[in-house]
């Protein structure tokens, strides 16, 4: 198994990509700590993982607050005595280009995404150093690598925040390599989560395009001509944080159906 006996802390793990990641990491042998605000969904995932004979725990945390991030990391370390993997997958999303951006949208995306990544990483580093190293992964986006061609409907806050994840990865690569800690980010293409579907409607409104037409335009831009699944992203994440990827650090790893290559 890829992650046998590793302790994996995953934020944003009660739905979407994070939920798929929690289930796949557990199947690969990891002891999974699920982070989210939805306690009911979190406990459901824990029950599912335990029902399959694997270990899991849930910690409720609001990642907009640094003291809750501190509580999250401290509690996680107490549960299993170590943290080998930190996957910061949580984020917020608001559609709209510069003309539509609101202060609350900007603050929410930067706080849940980038700020939580910075402080979560700061807090897990000493724990990883005590046990000889670890692996850190951030969920960026194909829009963190380059903007969408559909400019009027592009989300500037999302692109800025996700590009920040890529730069954070690169800034941390060399100093953390000295402590045997690898840092990578994964850059998914369109994944049909509930939030993504809602974003399609919002973007279509911003461009005066019918949502179905906008959806088809989005797919047409991808060489693969299909959306990425949550499981495809989660499987790539499992590889990146595993010892099989020991030579990979500082990478912005696209899982985007070829979008970043054209």
Protein backbone atom coordinates (compact mmCIF):
# COMPACT_ATOMS: atom_id res chain seq x y z
CA UNK A 1 0.00 0.00 0.00
CA UNK A 2 1.21 3.50 -0.85
CA UNK A 3 0.62 5.08 2.56
CA UNK A 4 0.90 2.21 5.01
CA UNK A 5 0.89 3.49 8.62
CA UNK A 6 1.30 7.14 7.56
CA UNK A 7 -0.73 9.74 9.47
CA UNK A 8 -2.48 12.07 7.02
CA UNK A 9 -4.15 15.34 8.00
CA UNK A 10 -6.56 16.47 5.24
CA UNK A 11 -8.43 19.77 5.33
CA UNK A 12 -11.66 20.26 3.41
CA UNK A 13 -12.22 16.52 3.68
CA UNK A 14 -15.97 16.35 4.31
CA UNK A 15 -16.91 16.75 0.64
CA UNK A 16 -15.60 16.76 -2.91
CA UNK A 17 -11.93 16.11 -3.61
CA UNK A 18 -11.04 16.00 0.08
CA UNK A 19 -13.65 13.37 0.85
CA UNK A 20 -12.43 11.22 -2.06
CA UNK A 21 -8.88 11.73 -0.81
CA UNK A 22 -9.72 10.63 2.73
CA UNK A 23 -11.29 7.41 1.45
CA UNK A 24 -8.45 6.63 -0.96
CA UNK A 25 -5.70 7.49 1.54
CA UNK A 26 -7.35 5.15 4.05
CA UNK A 27 -7.50 2.34 1.47
CA UNK A 28 -3.80 2.93 0.86
CA UNK A 29 -3.11 2.29 4.55
CA UNK A 30 -3.04 5.80 6.03
CA UNK A 31 -4.48 6.79 9.39
CA UNK A 32 -6.63 9.69 8.24
CA UNK A 33 -7.59 12.82 10.18
CA UNK A 34 -10.52 14.54 8.48
CA UNK A 35 -10.86 18.30 8.89
CA UNK A 36 -14.00 20.27 8.10
CA UNK A 37 -16.86 22.28 9.53
CA UNK A 38 -19.62 19.76 8.78
CA UNK A 39 -19.46 17.45 11.77
CA UNK A 40 -22.25 15.18 10.54
CA UNK A 41 -20.54 14.51 7.20
CA UNK A 42 -17.16 14.19 8.88
CA UNK A 43 -18.39 11.48 11.23
CA UNK A 44 -20.04 9.64 8.31
CA UNK A 45 -16.70 9.42 6.53
CA UNK A 46 -14.99 8.27 9.72
CA UNK A 47 -17.61 5.53 10.13
CA UNK A 48 -17.12 4.44 6.51
CA UNK A 49 -13.34 4.22 6.89
CA UNK A 50 -13.54 2.39 10.20
CA UNK A 51 -16.11 0.02 8.72
CA UNK A 52 -13.49 -0.95 6.15
CA UNK A 53 -11.04 -1.81 8.93
CA UNK A 54 -8.95 1.36 8.73
CA UNK A 55 -8.30 4.17 11.22
CA UNK A 56 -9.78 7.66 11.01
CA UNK A 57 -10.75 10.62 13.19
CA UNK A 58 -12.62 13.89 12.64
CA UNK A 59 -11.71 17.34 13.93
CA UNK A 60 -14.04 20.27 13.39
CA UNK A 61 -12.18 23.46 12.49
CA UNK A 62 -12.88 26.87 10.98
CA UNK A 63 -9.73 27.49 8.96
CA UNK A 64 -10.34 31.22 8.79
CA UNK A 65 -9.15 31.41 12.41
CA UNK A 66 -5.50 30.79 13.29
CA UNK A 67 -6.33 29.64 16.82
CA UNK A 68 -8.57 26.91 15.35
CA UNK A 69 -5.74 25.88 13.01
CA UNK A 70 -3.50 25.61 16.07
CA UNK A 71 -6.11 23.47 17.82
CA UNK A 72 -6.50 21.31 14.71
CA UNK A 73 -2.79 20.56 14.39
CA UNK A 74 -2.27 20.05 18.11
CA UNK A 75 -5.23 17.68 18.42
CA UNK A 76 -4.20 15.75 15.31
CA UNK A 77 -0.70 15.24 16.69
CA UNK A 78 -2.13 13.98 19.99
CA UNK A 79 -4.40 11.41 18.30
CA UNK A 80 -1.67 9.42 16.56
CA UNK A 81 1.51 10.96 17.99
CA UNK A 82 2.74 12.25 14.64
CA UNK A 83 1.73 13.88 11.34
CA UNK A 84 3.43 12.51 8.24
CA UNK A 85 1.22 14.15 5.60
CA UNK A 86 -0.47 17.54 5.56
CA UNK A 87 -2.80 18.03 2.61
CA UNK A 88 -4.36 21.49 2.67
CA UNK A 89 -7.26 20.98 0.33
CA UNK A 90 -9.83 23.38 1.85
CA UNK A 91 -10.79 26.48 -0.07
CA UNK A 92 -13.56 28.86 -1.03
CA UNK A 93 -14.74 29.85 -4.50
CA UNK A 94 -16.49 32.92 -5.87
CA UNK A 95 -17.05 33.41 -9.60
CA UNK A 96 -16.49 36.76 -11.24
CA UNK A 97 -13.82 38.89 -12.86
CA UNK A 98 -12.47 42.19 -11.49
CA UNK A 99 -15.68 44.13 -12.12
CA UNK A 100 -17.65 41.74 -9.89
CA UNK A 101 -15.21 41.07 -7.07
CA UNK A 102 -16.35 41.91 -3.55
CA UNK A 103 -14.13 42.45 -0.51
CA UNK A 104 -15.76 39.59 1.41
CA UNK A 105 -15.14 37.21 -1.51
CA UNK A 106 -11.49 38.21 -1.76
CA UNK A 107 -10.96 37.88 1.99
CA UNK A 108 -12.70 34.50 2.19
CA UNK A 109 -10.71 32.93 -0.66
CA UNK A 110 -7.38 34.22 0.59
CA UNK A 111 -8.09 33.27 4.20
CA UNK A 112 -9.44 29.73 3.74
CA UNK A 113 -6.96 28.98 0.99
CA UNK A 114 -3.66 30.79 1.26
CA UNK A 115 -3.59 32.02 4.87
CA UNK A 116 -4.64 28.62 6.23
CA UNK A 117 -1.97 26.98 4.07
CA UNK A 118 0.73 29.25 5.51
CA UNK A 119 -0.24 28.83 9.16
CA UNK A 120 -1.14 25.15 8.86
CA UNK A 121 2.29 24.51 7.35
CA UNK A 122 4.05 26.59 9.99
CA UNK A 123 2.44 24.48 12.71
CA UNK A 124 3.01 21.02 11.20
CA UNK A 125 6.68 21.59 10.36
CA UNK A 126 7.99 21.09 13.94
CA UNK A 127 5.94 17.91 14.29
CA UNK A 128 7.29 16.50 11.03
CA UNK A 129 10.85 17.40 12.00
CA UNK A 130 10.54 15.42 15.23
CA UNK A 131 9.81 12.25 13.25
CA UNK A 132 12.35 12.73 10.47
CA UNK A 133 10.34 14.46 7.76
CA UNK A 134 7.06 14.36 5.91
CA UNK A 135 5.08 15.49 2.91
CA UNK A 136 3.04 18.67 2.42
CA UNK A 137 0.53 19.05 -0.41
CA UNK A 138 -1.64 22.00 -1.40
CA UNK A 139 -4.66 21.95 -3.68
CA UNK A 140 -4.10 24.67 -6.25
CA UNK A 141 -5.90 24.69 -9.62
CA UNK A 142 -5.29 24.80 -13.33
CA UNK A 143 -6.25 28.49 -12.86
CA UNK A 144 -3.26 28.82 -10.55
CA UNK A 145 -1.04 28.00 -13.52
CA UNK A 146 -2.73 30.29 -16.03
CA UNK A 147 -6.07 32.11 -16.28
CA UNK A 148 -9.19 30.88 -17.99
CA UNK A 149 -9.66 32.07 -21.59
CA UNK A 150 -13.22 33.08 -20.70
CA UNK A 151 -12.12 36.41 -19.22
CA UNK A 152 -15.49 37.98 -18.30
CA UNK A 153 -16.45 34.95 -16.23
CA UNK A 154 -13.03 34.18 -14.82
CA UNK A 155 -12.68 34.31 -11.04
CA UNK A 156 -9.85 36.69 -10.25
CA UNK A 157 -9.90 35.87 -6.53
CA UNK A 158 -9.69 32.15 -7.24
CA UNK A 159 -6.84 32.54 -9.72
CA UNK A 160 -4.85 34.79 -7.39
CA UNK A 161 -5.29 32.51 -4.39
CA UNK A 162 -4.41 29.36 -6.30
CA UNK A 163 -1.38 30.99 -7.93
CA UNK A 164 -0.28 31.88 -4.42
CA UNK A 165 -0.35 28.17 -3.56
CA UNK A 166 2.08 27.50 -6.40
CA UNK A 167 4.44 30.23 -5.21
CA UNK A 168 4.17 29.06 -1.59
CA UNK A 169 5.22 25.59 -2.76
CA UNK A 170 8.26 26.98 -4.52
CA UNK A 171 9.24 29.25 -1.63
CA UNK A 172 9.19 26.34 0.85
CA UNK A 173 10.87 23.69 -1.29
CA UNK A 174 14.53 24.44 -0.55
CA UNK A 175 14.34 25.31 3.17
CA UNK A 176 12.11 22.34 4.03
CA UNK A 177 14.16 19.90 1.97
CA UNK A 178 16.84 20.27 4.64
CA UNK A 179 14.39 18.68 7.08
CA UNK A 180 13.38 15.90 4.67
CA UNK A 181 9.99 17.54 4.09
CA UNK A 182 8.70 17.56 0.53
CA UNK A 183 6.26 20.27 -0.64
CA UNK A 184 4.11 19.99 -3.74
CA UNK A 185 0.80 21.31 -5.02
CA UNK A 186 -1.75 19.60 -7.19
CA UNK A 187 -3.56 21.60 -9.88
CA UNK A 188 -6.91 20.05 -10.82
CA UNK A 189 -8.92 20.93 -13.87
CA UNK A 190 -12.73 21.15 -13.75
CA UNK A 191 -14.06 18.69 -11.17
CA UNK A 192 -17.83 18.37 -10.99
CA UNK A 193 -18.27 19.14 -7.32
CA UNK A 194 -21.36 20.94 -6.05
CA UNK A 195 -19.33 24.15 -5.77
CA UNK A 196 -18.03 23.85 -9.33
CA UNK A 197 -21.53 23.36 -10.75
CA UNK A 198 -22.75 26.42 -8.86
CA UNK A 199 -19.78 28.35 -10.21
CA UNK A 200 -20.72 27.44 -13.79
CA UNK A 201 -24.11 29.08 -13.27
CA UNK A 202 -22.50 32.18 -11.74
CA UNK A 203 -19.92 32.46 -14.50
CA UNK A 204 -22.59 32.03 -17.17
CA UNK A 205 -24.55 34.91 -15.65
CA UNK A 206 -21.43 37.07 -15.67
CA UNK A 207 -20.87 36.39 -19.38
CA UNK A 208 -24.52 36.41 -20.49
CA UNK A 209 -24.04 32.87 -21.74
CA UNK A 210 -26.44 30.01 -21.10
CA UNK A 211 -25.05 27.74 -18.31
CA UNK A 212 -25.15 24.67 -20.54
CA UNK A 213 -23.32 26.52 -23.29
CA UNK A 214 -20.72 27.74 -20.81
CA UNK A 215 -20.30 24.18 -19.51
CA UNK A 216 -19.69 22.91 -23.04
CA UNK A 217 -17.25 25.75 -23.76
CA UNK A 218 -15.30 24.82 -20.64
CA UNK A 219 -15.01 21.20 -21.72
CA UNK A 220 -14.13 22.11 -25.29
CA UNK A 221 -11.04 23.92 -24.00
CA UNK A 222 -9.67 20.70 -22.47
CA UNK A 223 -7.75 18.37 -24.79
CA UNK A 224 -9.35 15.42 -22.97
CA UNK A 225 -12.85 16.87 -23.61
CA UNK A 226 -14.01 15.62 -20.23
CA UNK A 227 -14.09 16.79 -16.65
CA UNK A 228 -11.69 15.41 -14.08
CA UNK A 229 -13.16 13.17 -11.37
CA UNK A 230 -12.60 13.61 -7.65
CA UNK A 231 -10.99 10.17 -7.57
CA UNK A 232 -8.51 11.06 -10.32
CA UNK A 233 -7.29 14.02 -8.27
CA UNK A 234 -7.23 11.99 -5.05
CA UNK A 235 -5.24 9.15 -6.65
CA UNK A 236 -2.66 11.64 -7.94
CA UNK A 237 -2.50 13.20 -4.47
CA UNK A 238 -1.93 9.81 -2.85
CA UNK A 239 1.01 9.21 -5.15
CA UNK A 240 2.53 12.66 -4.57
CA UNK A 241 2.53 12.32 -0.77
CA UNK A 242 3.80 8.72 -0.85
CA UNK A 243 7.37 7.48 -0.68
CA UNK A 244 7.02 6.44 -4.33
CA UNK A 245 7.28 10.16 -5.14
CA UNK A 246 10.36 10.70 -2.95
CA UNK A 247 12.15 12.49 -5.79
CA UNK A 248 9.35 14.99 -6.36
CA UNK A 249 9.31 18.29 -4.48
CA UNK A 250 8.54 21.85 -5.54
CA UNK A 251 6.19 20.64 -8.26
CA UNK A 252 2.92 22.13 -9.46
CA UNK A 253 1.35 18.89 -10.64
CA UNK A 254 -1.52 19.33 -13.15
CA UNK A 255 -4.46 16.93 -13.21
CA UNK A 256 -6.34 18.99 -15.75
CA UNK A 257 -7.03 16.97 -18.89
CA UNK A 258 -4.17 18.71 -20.67
CA UNK A 259 -5.33 22.33 -20.15
CA UNK A 260 -1.95 23.59 -18.90
CA UNK A 261 -0.13 22.10 -21.91
CA UNK A 262 -1.89 24.15 -24.60
